[in-house]
């Protein structure tokens, strides 16, 4: 069996704030999108230092997606928080999901779906 290739990491953190004005942030931040009638979160994208997307909710909860390593996920979360609140300390980042792909090297005879799961809270 080949080594798994990480395709996407989903992680969360809490931005230290009493509440965020997402409309004001969307005007201030480049590469942001806010359409509250369609989705309640502000969508923010970065390309440097790593390529990633954040979903930022009014209560300060942030979901970061699109990175392919834990180091890159930490860099992206730090960059997003710096853009939003100017580098204040953040709550710990929690990994919620890692999507990987790999080749088994032979066909599987399956009727239905197959899921591999790992609980990162253990």
PDB file of N, CA and C in Angstrom:
ATOM      1  N   UNK A   1       0.838  -1.182   0.000  1.00  0.00           N
ATOM      2  CA  UNK A   1       0.000   0.000   0.000  1.00  0.00           C
ATOM      3  C   UNK A   1       0.882   1.245   0.000  1.00  0.00           C
ATOM      4  N   UNK A   2       0.504   2.234  -0.798  1.00  0.00           N
ATOM      5  CA  UNK A   2       1.225   3.499  -0.849  1.00  0.00           C
ATOM      6  C   UNK A   2       0.928   4.336   0.384  1.00  0.00           C
ATOM      7  N   UNK A   3       1.774   5.314   0.630  1.00  0.00           N
ATOM      8  CA  UNK A   3       1.541   6.240   1.732  1.00  0.00           C
ATOM      9  C   UNK A   3       0.362   7.156   1.390  1.00  0.00           C
ATOM     10  N   UNK A   4      -0.480   7.472   2.368  1.00  0.00           N
ATOM     11  CA  UNK A   4      -1.589   8.398   2.104  1.00  0.00           C
ATOM     12  C   UNK A   4      -1.071   9.793   1.771  1.00  0.00           C
ATOM     13  N   UNK A   5      -1.792  10.483   0.909  1.00  0.00           N
ATOM     14  CA  UNK A   5      -1.489  11.867   0.546  1.00  0.00           C
ATOM     15  C   UNK A   5      -2.568  12.740   1.159  1.00  0.00           C
ATOM     16  N   UNK A   6      -2.171  13.703   1.989  1.00  0.00           N
ATOM     17  CA  UNK A   6      -3.149  14.606   2.601  1.00  0.00           C
ATOM     18  C   UNK A   6      -3.626  15.576   1.532  1.00  0.00           C
ATOM     19  N   UNK A   7      -4.940  15.649   1.370  1.00  0.00           N
ATOM     20  CA  UNK A   7      -5.559  16.522   0.372  1.00  0.00           C
ATOM     21  C   UNK A   7      -6.168  17.776   0.992  1.00  0.00           C
ATOM     22  N   UNK A   8      -6.615  17.696   2.241  1.00  0.00           N
ATOM     23  CA  UNK A   8      -7.280  18.830   2.875  1.00  0.00           C
ATOM     24  C   UNK A   8      -7.312  18.623   4.389  1.00  0.00           C
ATOM     25  N   UNK A   9      -7.082  19.700   5.128  1.00  0.00           N
ATOM     26  CA  UNK A   9      -7.209  19.687   6.577  1.00  0.00           C
ATOM     27  C   UNK A   9      -8.252  20.733   6.957  1.00  0.00           C
ATOM     28  N   UNK A  10      -9.178  20.346   7.818  1.00  0.00           N
ATOM     29  CA  UNK A  10     -10.199  21.259   8.334  1.00  0.00           C
ATOM     30  C   UNK A  10      -9.910  21.464   9.814  1.00  0.00           C
ATOM     31  N   UNK A  11      -9.751  22.721  10.222  1.00  0.00           N
ATOM     32  CA  UNK A  11      -9.491  23.011  11.629  1.00  0.00           C
ATOM     33  C   UNK A  11     -10.308  24.226  12.057  1.00  0.00           C
ATOM     34  N   UNK A  12     -10.455  24.370  13.365  1.00  0.00           N
ATOM     35  CA  UNK A  12     -11.237  25.482  13.907  1.00  0.00           C
ATOM     36  C   UNK A  12     -10.453  26.191  15.003  1.00  0.00           C
ATOM     37  N   UNK A  13     -10.847  27.417  15.268  1.00  0.00           N
ATOM     38  CA  UNK A  13     -10.339  28.174  16.400  1.00  0.00           C
ATOM     39  C   UNK A  13     -11.374  29.223  16.765  1.00  0.00           C
ATOM     40  N   UNK A  14     -11.153  29.887  17.874  1.00  0.00           N
ATOM     41  CA  UNK A  14     -12.041  30.960  18.325  1.00  0.00           C
ATOM     42  C   UNK A  14     -11.246  32.264  18.281  1.00  0.00           C
ATOM     43  N   UNK A  15     -11.734  33.230  17.525  1.00  0.00           N
ATOM     44  CA  UNK A  15     -11.089  34.540  17.449  1.00  0.00           C
ATOM     45  C   UNK A  15     -11.462  35.315  18.711  1.00  0.00           C
ATOM     46  N   UNK A  16     -10.467  35.908  19.387  1.00  0.00           N
ATOM     47  CA  UNK A  16     -10.744  36.595  20.654  1.00  0.00           C
ATOM     48  C   UNK A  16     -11.469  37.921  20.437  1.00  0.00           C
ATOM     49  N   UNK A  17     -12.796  37.872  20.476  1.00  0.00           N
ATOM     50  CA  UNK A  17     -13.586  39.072  20.280  1.00  0.00           C
ATOM     51  C   UNK A  17     -14.963  38.874  20.892  1.00  0.00           C
ATOM     52  N   UNK A  18     -15.603  39.980  21.238  1.00  0.00           N
ATOM     53  CA  UNK A  18     -16.958  39.904  21.781  1.00  0.00           C
ATOM     54  C   UNK A  18     -17.978  39.707  20.670  1.00  0.00           C
ATOM     55  N   UNK A  19     -17.603  39.972  19.453  1.00  0.00           N
ATOM     56  CA  UNK A  19     -18.479  39.838  18.295  1.00  0.00           C
ATOM     57  C   UNK A  19     -17.831  40.515  17.109  1.00  0.00           C
ATOM     58  N   UNK A  20     -18.102  40.013  15.939  1.00  0.00           N
ATOM     59  CA  UNK A  20     -17.495  40.565  14.733  1.00  0.00           C
ATOM     60  C   UNK A  20     -18.558  41.180  13.841  1.00  0.00           C
ATOM     61  N   UNK A  21     -18.248  42.343  13.278  1.00  0.00           N
ATOM     62  CA  UNK A  21     -19.110  42.962  12.272  1.00  0.00           C
ATOM     63  C   UNK A  21     -18.610  42.475  10.913  1.00  0.00           C
ATOM     64  N   UNK A  22     -19.224  41.408  10.428  1.00  0.00           N
ATOM     65  CA  UNK A  22     -18.748  40.775   9.204  1.00  0.00           C
ATOM     66  C   UNK A  22     -18.909  41.682   7.985  1.00  0.00           C
ATOM     67  N   UNK A  23     -19.927  42.509   7.970  1.00  0.00           N
ATOM     68  CA  UNK A  23     -20.105  43.435   6.841  1.00  0.00           C
ATOM     69  C   UNK A  23     -18.938  44.420   6.778  1.00  0.00           C
ATOM     70  N   UNK A  24     -18.558  44.958   7.921  1.00  0.00           N
ATOM     71  CA  UNK A  24     -17.430  45.897   7.972  1.00  0.00           C
ATOM     72  C   UNK A  24     -16.125  45.188   7.591  1.00  0.00           C
ATOM     73  N   UNK A  25     -15.938  43.965   8.084  1.00  0.00           N
ATOM     74  CA  UNK A  25     -14.741  43.205   7.723  1.00  0.00           C
ATOM     75  C   UNK A  25     -14.674  42.930   6.226  1.00  0.00           C
ATOM     76  N   UNK A  26     -15.807  42.636   5.611  1.00  0.00           N
ATOM     77  CA  UNK A  26     -15.808  42.320   4.181  1.00  0.00           C
ATOM     78  C   UNK A  26     -15.386  43.516   3.341  1.00  0.00           C
ATOM     79  N   UNK A  27     -15.689  44.725   3.820  1.00  0.00           N
ATOM     80  CA  UNK A  27     -15.269  45.932   3.116  1.00  0.00           C
ATOM     81  C   UNK A  27     -13.773  46.171   3.322  1.00  0.00           C
ATOM     82  N   UNK A  28     -13.307  45.889   4.514  1.00  0.00           N
ATOM     83  CA  UNK A  28     -11.909  46.153   4.894  1.00  0.00           C
ATOM     84  C   UNK A  28     -10.926  45.137   4.322  1.00  0.00           C
ATOM     85  N   UNK A  29     -11.351  43.879   4.224  1.00  0.00           N
ATOM     86  CA  UNK A  29     -10.421  42.806   3.857  1.00  0.00           C
ATOM     87  C   UNK A  29     -10.507  42.447   2.380  1.00  0.00           C
ATOM     88  N   UNK A  30      -9.361  42.392   1.753  1.00  0.00           N
ATOM     89  CA  UNK A  30      -9.269  41.987   0.360  1.00  0.00           C
ATOM     90  C   UNK A  30      -9.482  40.471   0.275  1.00  0.00           C
ATOM     91  N   UNK A  31     -10.025  39.978  -0.804  1.00  0.00           N
ATOM     92  CA  UNK A  31     -10.307  38.547  -1.008  1.00  0.00           C
ATOM     93  C   UNK A  31     -11.321  38.005  -0.016  1.00  0.00           C
ATOM     94  N   UNK A  32     -12.311  38.821   0.323  1.00  0.00           N
ATOM     95  CA  UNK A  32     -13.370  38.358   1.215  1.00  0.00           C
ATOM     96  C   UNK A  32     -14.710  38.422   0.490  1.00  0.00           C
ATOM     97  N   UNK A  33     -15.624  37.615   0.974  1.00  0.00           N
ATOM     98  CA  UNK A  33     -16.960  37.558   0.383  1.00  0.00           C
ATOM     99  C   UNK A  33     -17.963  37.393   1.518  1.00  0.00           C
ATOM    100  N   UNK A  34     -18.970  38.260   1.520  1.00  0.00           N
ATOM    101  CA  UNK A  34     -19.989  38.176   2.561  1.00  0.00           C
ATOM    102  C   UNK A  34     -21.357  38.384   1.930  1.00  0.00           C
ATOM    103  N   UNK A  35     -22.153  37.337   1.943  1.00  0.00           N
ATOM    104  CA  UNK A  35     -23.526  37.367   1.434  1.00  0.00           C
ATOM    105  C   UNK A  35     -24.434  36.735   2.492  1.00  0.00           C
ATOM    106  N   UNK A  36     -24.842  37.532   3.487  1.00  0.00           N
ATOM    107  CA  UNK A  36     -25.580  36.975   4.628  1.00  0.00           C
ATOM    108  C   UNK A  36     -26.904  36.312   4.253  1.00  0.00           C
ATOM    109  N   UNK A  37     -27.517  36.702   3.155  1.00  0.00           N
ATOM    110  CA  UNK A  37     -28.765  36.055   2.739  1.00  0.00           C
ATOM    111  C   UNK A  37     -28.514  34.628   2.253  1.00  0.00           C
ATOM    112  N   UNK A  38     -27.290  34.382   1.815  1.00  0.00           N
ATOM    113  CA  UNK A  38     -26.941  33.064   1.286  1.00  0.00           C
ATOM    114  C   UNK A  38     -26.238  32.180   2.310  1.00  0.00           C
ATOM    115  N   UNK A  39     -25.327  32.791   3.113  1.00  0.00           N
ATOM    116  CA  UNK A  39     -24.538  32.054   4.094  1.00  0.00           C
ATOM    117  C   UNK A  39     -24.130  33.008   5.198  1.00  0.00           C
ATOM    118  N   UNK A  40     -24.218  32.590   6.459  1.00  0.00           N
ATOM    119  CA  UNK A  40     -24.017  33.507   7.589  1.00  0.00           C
ATOM    120  C   UNK A  40     -22.555  33.875   7.848  1.00  0.00           C
ATOM    121  N   UNK A  41     -21.615  33.171   7.242  1.00  0.00           N
ATOM    122  CA  UNK A  41     -20.195  33.421   7.518  1.00  0.00           C
ATOM    123  C   UNK A  41     -19.567  34.288   6.431  1.00  0.00           C
ATOM    124  N   UNK A  42     -18.508  34.987   6.836  1.00  0.00           N
ATOM    125  CA  UNK A  42     -17.636  35.702   5.907  1.00  0.00           C
ATOM    126  C   UNK A  42     -16.641  34.692   5.360  1.00  0.00           C
ATOM    127  N   UNK A  43     -16.464  34.669   4.048  1.00  0.00           N
ATOM    128  CA  UNK A  43     -15.493  33.780   3.421  1.00  0.00           C
ATOM    129  C   UNK A  43     -14.257  34.615   3.105  1.00  0.00           C
ATOM    130  N   UNK A  44     -13.111  34.190   3.601  1.00  0.00           N
ATOM    131  CA  UNK A  44     -11.861  34.918   3.414  1.00  0.00           C
ATOM    132  C   UNK A  44     -10.826  33.961   2.856  1.00  0.00           C
ATOM    133  N   UNK A  45     -10.133  34.387   1.790  1.00  0.00           N
ATOM    134  CA  UNK A  45      -9.125  33.538   1.145  1.00  0.00           C
ATOM    135  C   UNK A  45      -7.759  34.201   1.200  1.00  0.00           C
ATOM    136  N   UNK A  46      -6.725  33.364   1.386  1.00  0.00           N
ATOM    137  CA  UNK A  46      -5.341  33.843   1.311  1.00  0.00           C
ATOM    138  C   UNK A  46      -4.560  32.921   0.372  1.00  0.00           C
ATOM    139  N   UNK A  47      -3.485  33.474  -0.192  1.00  0.00           N
ATOM    140  CA  UNK A  47      -2.575  32.684  -1.031  1.00  0.00           C
ATOM    141  C   UNK A  47      -1.182  32.610  -0.421  1.00  0.00           C
ATOM    142  N   UNK A  48      -0.885  33.529   0.497  1.00  0.00           N
ATOM    143  CA  UNK A  48       0.420  33.573   1.152  1.00  0.00           C
ATOM    144  C   UNK A  48       0.220  33.691   2.657  1.00  0.00           C
ATOM    145  N   UNK A  49       0.977  33.052   3.480  1.00  0.00           N
ATOM    146  CA  UNK A  49       2.121  32.182   3.210  1.00  0.00           C
ATOM    147  C   UNK A  49       1.713  30.816   2.665  1.00  0.00           C
ATOM    148  N   UNK A  50       0.433  30.461   2.804  1.00  0.00           N
ATOM    149  CA  UNK A  50      -0.089  29.220   2.225  1.00  0.00           C
ATOM    150  C   UNK A  50      -1.468  29.522   1.649  1.00  0.00           C
ATOM    151  N   UNK A  51      -1.911  28.670   0.751  1.00  0.00           N
ATOM    152  CA  UNK A  51      -3.245  28.839   0.162  1.00  0.00           C
ATOM    153  C   UNK A  51      -4.277  28.204   1.097  1.00  0.00           C
ATOM    154  N   UNK A  52      -5.292  28.996   1.504  1.00  0.00           N
ATOM    155  CA  UNK A  52      -6.312  28.497   2.430  1.00  0.00           C
ATOM    156  C   UNK A  52      -7.547  29.387   2.363  1.00  0.00           C
ATOM    157  N   UNK A  53      -8.644  28.860   2.899  1.00  0.00           N
ATOM    158  CA  UNK A  53      -9.904  29.588   2.981  1.00  0.00           C
ATOM    159  C   UNK A  53     -10.408  29.500   4.411  1.00  0.00           C
ATOM    160  N   UNK A  54     -10.954  30.617   4.902  1.00  0.00           N
ATOM    161  CA  UNK A  54     -11.533  30.640   6.248  1.00  0.00           C
ATOM    162  C   UNK A  54     -13.001  31.021   6.158  1.00  0.00           C
ATOM    163  N   UNK A  55     -13.790  30.384   6.992  1.00  0.00           N
ATOM    164  CA  UNK A  55     -15.186  30.762   7.208  1.00  0.00           C
ATOM    165  C   UNK A  55     -15.233  31.406   8.586  1.00  0.00           C
ATOM    166  N   UNK A  56     -15.627  32.669   8.645  1.00  0.00           N
ATOM    167  CA  UNK A  56     -15.600  33.412   9.896  1.00  0.00           C
ATOM    168  C   UNK A  56     -17.039  33.767  10.273  1.00  0.00           C
ATOM    169  N   UNK A  57     -17.451  33.363  11.454  1.00  0.00           N
ATOM    170  CA  UNK A  57     -18.820  33.563  11.912  1.00  0.00           C
ATOM    171  C   UNK A  57     -18.885  34.751  12.864  1.00  0.00           C
ATOM    172  N   UNK A  58     -20.058  35.382  13.009  1.00  0.00           N
ATOM    173  CA  UNK A  58     -20.180  36.582  13.852  1.00  0.00           C
ATOM    174  C   UNK A  58     -19.748  36.376  15.300  1.00  0.00           C
ATOM    175  N   UNK A  59     -19.872  35.164  15.834  1.00  0.00           N
ATOM    176  CA  UNK A  59     -19.488  34.906  17.224  1.00  0.00           C
ATOM    177  C   UNK A  59     -17.982  34.715  17.408  1.00  0.00           C
ATOM    178  N   UNK A  60     -17.208  34.825  16.320  1.00  0.00           N
ATOM    179  CA  UNK A  60     -15.757  34.685  16.403  1.00  0.00           C
ATOM    180  C   UNK A  60     -15.239  33.299  16.078  1.00  0.00           C
ATOM    181  N   UNK A  61     -16.114  32.348  15.857  1.00  0.00           N
ATOM    182  CA  UNK A  61     -15.687  30.990  15.478  1.00  0.00           C
ATOM    183  C   UNK A  61     -15.147  31.040  14.050  1.00  0.00           C
ATOM    184  N   UNK A  62     -14.010  30.380  13.827  1.00  0.00           N
ATOM    185  CA  UNK A  62     -13.406  30.345  12.508  1.00  0.00           C
ATOM    186  C   UNK A  62     -13.113  28.904  12.110  1.00  0.00           C
ATOM    187  N   UNK A  63     -13.446  28.566  10.865  1.00  0.00           N
ATOM    188  CA  UNK A  63     -13.142  27.267  10.282  1.00  0.00           C
ATOM    189  C   UNK A  63     -12.163  27.524   9.147  1.00  0.00           C
ATOM    190  N   UNK A  64     -11.037  26.840   9.172  1.00  0.00           N
ATOM    191  CA  UNK A  64     -10.006  26.993   8.148  1.00  0.00           C
ATOM    192  C   UNK A  64      -9.925  25.704   7.333  1.00  0.00           C
ATOM    193  N   UNK A  65      -9.961  25.826   6.005  1.00  0.00           N
ATOM    194  CA  UNK A  65      -9.900  24.668   5.119  1.00  0.00           C
ATOM    195  C   UNK A  65      -8.891  24.918   4.003  1.00  0.00           C
ATOM    196  N   UNK A  66      -8.439  23.819   3.397  1.00  0.00           N
ATOM    197  CA  UNK A  66      -7.640  23.941   2.184  1.00  0.00           C
ATOM    198  C   UNK A  66      -6.154  23.705   2.328  1.00  0.00           C
ATOM    199  N   UNK A  67      -5.652  23.512   3.530  1.00  0.00           N
ATOM    200  CA  UNK A  67      -4.216  23.264   3.688  1.00  0.00           C
ATOM    201  C   UNK A  67      -3.941  21.761   3.601  1.00  0.00           C
ATOM    202  N   UNK A  68      -2.666  21.422   3.412  1.00  0.00           N
ATOM    203  CA  UNK A  68      -2.310  20.013   3.257  1.00  0.00           C
ATOM    204  C   UNK A  68      -1.299  19.528   4.285  1.00  0.00           C
ATOM    205  N   UNK A  69      -1.041  20.330   5.317  1.00  0.00           N
ATOM    206  CA  UNK A  69      -0.191  19.887   6.427  1.00  0.00           C
ATOM    207  C   UNK A  69      -0.605  20.645   7.679  1.00  0.00           C
ATOM    208  N   UNK A  70      -0.291  20.092   8.832  1.00  0.00           N
ATOM    209  CA  UNK A  70      -0.628  20.764  10.079  1.00  0.00           C
ATOM    210  C   UNK A  70       0.159  22.059  10.246  1.00  0.00           C
ATOM    211  N   UNK A  71       1.397  22.073   9.778  1.00  0.00           N
ATOM    212  CA  UNK A  71       2.207  23.291   9.844  1.00  0.00           C
ATOM    213  C   UNK A  71       1.564  24.393   9.002  1.00  0.00           C
ATOM    214  N   UNK A  72       1.124  24.044   7.786  1.00  0.00           N
ATOM    215  CA  UNK A  72       0.464  25.022   6.926  1.00  0.00           C
ATOM    216  C   UNK A  72      -0.859  25.482   7.526  1.00  0.00           C
ATOM    217  N   UNK A  73      -1.591  24.572   8.165  1.00  0.00           N
ATOM    218  CA  UNK A  73      -2.851  24.943   8.810  1.00  0.00           C
ATOM    219  C   UNK A  73      -2.597  25.974   9.906  1.00  0.00           C
ATOM    220  N   UNK A  74      -1.571  25.777  10.709  1.00  0.00           N
ATOM    221  CA  UNK A  74      -1.232  26.738  11.770  1.00  0.00           C
ATOM    222  C   UNK A  74      -0.828  28.091  11.179  1.00  0.00           C
ATOM    223  N   UNK A  75      -0.049  28.062  10.093  1.00  0.00           N
ATOM    224  CA  UNK A  75       0.340  29.313   9.423  1.00  0.00           C
ATOM    225  C   UNK A  75      -0.891  30.055   8.908  1.00  0.00           C
ATOM    226  N   UNK A  76      -1.813  29.320   8.283  1.00  0.00           N
ATOM    227  CA  UNK A  76      -3.011  29.935   7.723  1.00  0.00           C
ATOM    228  C   UNK A  76      -3.880  30.533   8.819  1.00  0.00           C
ATOM    229  N   UNK A  77      -4.112  29.789   9.886  1.00  0.00           N
ATOM    230  CA  UNK A  77      -4.939  30.286  10.990  1.00  0.00           C
ATOM    231  C   UNK A  77      -4.317  31.547  11.578  1.00  0.00           C
ATOM    232  N   UNK A  78      -3.013  31.546  11.778  1.00  0.00           N
ATOM    233  CA  UNK A  78      -2.326  32.730  12.301  1.00  0.00           C
ATOM    234  C   UNK A  78      -2.494  33.917  11.360  1.00  0.00           C
ATOM    235  N   UNK A  79      -2.351  33.679  10.062  1.00  0.00           N
ATOM    236  CA  UNK A  79      -2.496  34.750   9.071  1.00  0.00           C
ATOM    237  C   UNK A  79      -3.918  35.315   9.080  1.00  0.00           C
ATOM    238  N   UNK A  80      -4.917  34.451   9.132  1.00  0.00           N
ATOM    239  CA  UNK A  80      -6.303  34.919   9.169  1.00  0.00           C
ATOM    240  C   UNK A  80      -6.567  35.760  10.412  1.00  0.00           C
ATOM    241  N   UNK A  81      -6.116  35.283  11.564  1.00  0.00           N
ATOM    242  CA  UNK A  81      -6.343  36.032  12.808  1.00  0.00           C
ATOM    243  C   UNK A  81      -5.621  37.372  12.758  1.00  0.00           C
ATOM    244  N   UNK A  82      -4.407  37.406  12.218  1.00  0.00           N
ATOM    245  CA  UNK A  82      -3.677  38.672  12.077  1.00  0.00           C
ATOM    246  C   UNK A  82      -4.459  39.662  11.224  1.00  0.00           C
ATOM    247  N   UNK A  83      -5.066  39.181  10.159  1.00  0.00           N
ATOM    248  CA  UNK A  83      -5.844  40.061   9.288  1.00  0.00           C
ATOM    249  C   UNK A  83      -7.088  40.598   9.993  1.00  0.00           C
ATOM    250  N   UNK A  84      -7.676  39.798  10.850  1.00  0.00           N
ATOM    251  CA  UNK A  84      -8.950  40.170  11.466  1.00  0.00           C
ATOM    252  C   UNK A  84      -8.771  41.010  12.723  1.00  0.00           C
ATOM    253  N   UNK A  85      -7.895  40.585  13.627  1.00  0.00           N
ATOM    254  CA  UNK A  85      -7.752  41.282  14.910  1.00  0.00           C
ATOM    255  C   UNK A  85      -6.341  41.762  15.196  1.00  0.00           C
ATOM    256  N   UNK A  86      -5.469  41.755  14.217  1.00  0.00           N
ATOM    257  CA  UNK A  86      -4.158  42.347  14.399  1.00  0.00           C
ATOM    258  C   UNK A  86      -3.184  41.556  15.239  1.00  0.00           C
ATOM    259  N   UNK A  87      -3.271  40.251  15.250  1.00  0.00           N
ATOM    260  CA  UNK A  87      -2.263  39.433  15.893  1.00  0.00           C
ATOM    261  C   UNK A  87      -2.477  39.160  17.360  1.00  0.00           C
ATOM    262  N   UNK A  88      -3.672  39.398  17.876  1.00  0.00           N
ATOM    263  CA  UNK A  88      -3.936  39.038  19.264  1.00  0.00           C
ATOM    264  C   UNK A  88      -3.808  37.527  19.433  1.00  0.00           C
ATOM    265  N   UNK A  89      -3.487  37.075  20.645  1.00  0.00           N
ATOM    266  CA  UNK A  89      -3.373  35.631  20.848  1.00  0.00           C
ATOM    267  C   UNK A  89      -4.688  34.930  20.549  1.00  0.00           C
ATOM    268  N   UNK A  90      -4.596  33.714  20.048  1.00  0.00           N
ATOM    269  CA  UNK A  90      -5.796  32.972  19.681  1.00  0.00           C
ATOM    270  C   UNK A  90      -5.928  31.724  20.535  1.00  0.00           C
ATOM    271  N   UNK A  91      -7.135  31.200  20.542  1.00  0.00           N
ATOM    272  CA  UNK A  91      -7.381  29.928  21.220  1.00  0.00           C
ATOM    273  C   UNK A  91      -6.663  28.834  20.445  1.00  0.00           C
ATOM    274  N   UNK A  92      -6.427  27.712  21.060  1.00  0.00           N
ATOM    275  CA  UNK A  92      -5.764  26.619  20.345  1.00  0.00           C
ATOM    276  C   UNK A  92      -6.556  26.199  19.105  1.00  0.00           C
ATOM    277  N   UNK A  93      -5.824  25.793  18.098  1.00  0.00           N
ATOM    278  CA  UNK A  93      -6.417  25.292  16.871  1.00  0.00           C
ATOM    279  C   UNK A  93      -6.803  23.830  17.085  1.00  0.00           C
ATOM    280  N   UNK A  94      -7.998  23.455  16.663  1.00  0.00           N
ATOM    281  CA  UNK A  94      -8.457  22.073  16.790  1.00  0.00           C
ATOM    282  C   UNK A  94      -8.647  21.482  15.399  1.00  0.00           C
ATOM    283  N   UNK A  95      -7.987  20.375  15.124  1.00  0.00           N
ATOM    284  CA  UNK A  95      -8.152  19.686  13.847  1.00  0.00           C
ATOM    285  C   UNK A  95      -9.448  18.899  13.909  1.00  0.00           C
ATOM    286  N   UNK A  96     -10.327  19.122  12.928  1.00  0.00           N
ATOM    287  CA  UNK A  96     -11.622  18.453  12.886  1.00  0.00           C
ATOM    288  C   UNK A  96     -11.685  17.346  11.844  1.00  0.00           C
ATOM    289  N   UNK A  97     -10.890  17.469  10.776  1.00  0.00           N
ATOM    290  CA  UNK A  97     -10.975  16.498   9.696  1.00  0.00           C
ATOM    291  C   UNK A  97      -9.705  16.562   8.854  1.00  0.00           C
ATOM    292  N   UNK A  98      -9.228  15.402   8.425  1.00  0.00           N
ATOM    293  CA  UNK A  98      -8.126  15.324   7.472  1.00  0.00           C
ATOM    294  C   UNK A  98      -8.576  14.397   6.352  1.00  0.00           C
ATOM    295  N   UNK A  99      -8.535  14.905   5.133  1.00  0.00           N
ATOM    296  CA  UNK A  99      -8.921  14.116   3.966  1.00  0.00           C
ATOM    297  C   UNK A  99      -7.648  13.643   3.285  1.00  0.00           C
ATOM    298  N   UNK A 100      -7.538  12.312   3.108  1.00  0.00           N
ATOM    299  CA  UNK A 100      -6.366  11.706   2.475  1.00  0.00           C
ATOM    300  C   UNK A 100      -6.804  10.835   1.311  1.00  0.00           C
ATOM    301  N   UNK A 101      -5.867  10.587   0.414  1.00  0.00           N
ATOM    302  CA  UNK A 101      -6.107   9.603  -0.644  1.00  0.00           C
ATOM    303  C   UNK A 101      -4.906   8.679  -0.707  1.00  0.00           C
ATOM    304  N   UNK A 102      -5.153   7.448  -1.153  1.00  0.00           N
ATOM    305  CA  UNK A 102      -4.071   6.491  -1.321  1.00  0.00           C
ATOM    306  C   UNK A 102      -4.526   5.399  -2.276  1.00  0.00           C
ATOM    307  N   UNK A 103      -3.564   4.673  -2.790  1.00  0.00           N
ATOM    308  CA  UNK A 103      -3.842   3.572  -3.710  1.00  0.00           C
ATOM    309  C   UNK A 103      -3.575   2.259  -3.005  1.00  0.00           C
ATOM    310  N   UNK A 104      -4.534   1.362  -3.067  1.00  0.00           N
ATOM    311  CA  UNK A 104      -4.361   0.051  -2.452  1.00  0.00           C
ATOM    312  C   UNK A 104      -3.549  -0.887  -3.336  1.00  0.00           C
ATOM    313  N   UNK A 105      -3.559  -0.644  -4.629  1.00  0.00           N
ATOM    314  CA  UNK A 105      -2.784  -1.480  -5.531  1.00  0.00           C
ATOM    315  C   UNK A 105      -3.580  -2.612  -6.161  1.00  0.00           C
ATOM    316  N   UNK A 106      -4.819  -2.779  -5.743  1.00  0.00           N
ATOM    317  CA  UNK A 106      -5.677  -3.788  -6.348  1.00  0.00           C
ATOM    318  C   UNK A 106      -7.126  -3.356  -6.195  1.00  0.00           C
ATOM    319  N   UNK A 107      -8.005  -4.000  -6.960  1.00  0.00           N
ATOM    320  CA  UNK A 107      -9.418  -3.661  -6.920  1.00  0.00           C
ATOM    321  C   UNK A 107     -10.071  -4.206  -5.656  1.00  0.00           C
ATOM    322  N   UNK A 108     -11.050  -3.449  -5.177  1.00  0.00           N
ATOM    323  CA  UNK A 108     -11.847  -3.888  -4.042  1.00  0.00           C
ATOM    324  C   UNK A 108     -13.234  -4.284  -4.547  1.00  0.00           C
ATOM    325  N   UNK A 109     -13.729  -5.389  -4.096  1.00  0.00           N
ATOM    326  CA  UNK A 109     -15.096  -5.779  -4.417  1.00  0.00           C
ATOM    327  C   UNK A 109     -16.019  -5.246  -3.349  1.00  0.00           C
ATOM    328  N   UNK A 110     -16.605  -4.072  -3.600  1.00  0.00           N
ATOM    329  CA  UNK A 110     -17.432  -3.432  -2.582  1.00  0.00           C
ATOM    330  C   UNK A 110     -18.808  -3.131  -3.145  1.00  0.00           C
ATOM    331  N   UNK A 111     -19.785  -3.339  -2.335  1.00  0.00           N
ATOM    332  CA  UNK A 111     -21.147  -2.930  -2.652  1.00  0.00           C
ATOM    333  C   UNK A 111     -21.533  -1.861  -1.646  1.00  0.00           C
ATOM    334  N   UNK A 112     -21.375  -0.620  -2.003  1.00  0.00           N
ATOM    335  CA  UNK A 112     -21.700   0.469  -1.092  1.00  0.00           C
ATOM    336  C   UNK A 112     -20.514   1.376  -0.888  1.00  0.00           C
ATOM    337  N   UNK A 113     -20.487   2.047   0.254  1.00  0.00           N
ATOM    338  CA  UNK A 113     -19.458   3.031   0.545  1.00  0.00           C
ATOM    339  C   UNK A 113     -18.551   2.533   1.654  1.00  0.00           C
ATOM    340  N   UNK A 114     -17.323   3.023   1.652  1.00  0.00           N
ATOM    341  CA  UNK A 114     -16.333   2.648   2.650  1.00  0.00           C
ATOM    342  C   UNK A 114     -15.794   3.924   3.271  1.00  0.00           C
ATOM    343  N   UNK A 115     -15.775   3.986   4.596  1.00  0.00           N
ATOM    344  CA  UNK A 115     -15.287   5.169   5.296  1.00  0.00           C
ATOM    345  C   UNK A 115     -14.189   4.764   6.276  1.00  0.00           C
ATOM    346  N   UNK A 116     -13.110   5.541   6.298  1.00  0.00           N
ATOM    347  CA  UNK A 116     -12.068   5.392   7.304  1.00  0.00           C
ATOM    348  C   UNK A 116     -12.171   6.623   8.195  1.00  0.00           C
ATOM    349  N   UNK A 117     -12.212   6.424   9.491  1.00  0.00           N
ATOM    350  CA  UNK A 117     -12.330   7.559  10.402  1.00  0.00           C
ATOM    351  C   UNK A 117     -11.276   7.480  11.486  1.00  0.00           C
ATOM    352  N   UNK A 118     -10.881   8.641  11.980  1.00  0.00           N
ATOM    353  CA  UNK A 118      -9.955   8.761  13.092  1.00  0.00           C
ATOM    354  C   UNK A 118     -10.445   9.899  13.952  1.00  0.00           C
ATOM    355  N   UNK A 119     -10.698   9.669  15.207  1.00  0.00           N
ATOM    356  CA  UNK A 119     -11.147  10.695  16.120  1.00  0.00           C
ATOM    357  C   UNK A 119      -9.922  11.424  16.685  1.00  0.00           C
ATOM    358  N   UNK A 120      -9.762  12.709  16.380  1.00  0.00           N
ATOM    359  CA  UNK A 120      -8.600  13.461  16.809  1.00  0.00           C
ATOM    360  C   UNK A 120      -8.739  14.007  18.224  1.00  0.00           C
ATOM    361  N   UNK A 121      -9.892  13.801  18.845  1.00  0.00           N
ATOM    362  CA  UNK A 121     -10.089  14.275  20.213  1.00  0.00           C
ATOM    363  C   UNK A 121      -9.521  13.288  21.243  1.00  0.00           C
ATOM    364  N   UNK A 122      -9.140  12.077  20.811  1.00  0.00           N
ATOM    365  CA  UNK A 122      -8.606  11.073  21.739  1.00  0.00           C
ATOM    366  C   UNK A 122      -7.161  11.331  22.049  1.00  0.00           C
TER     367      UNK A 122
END
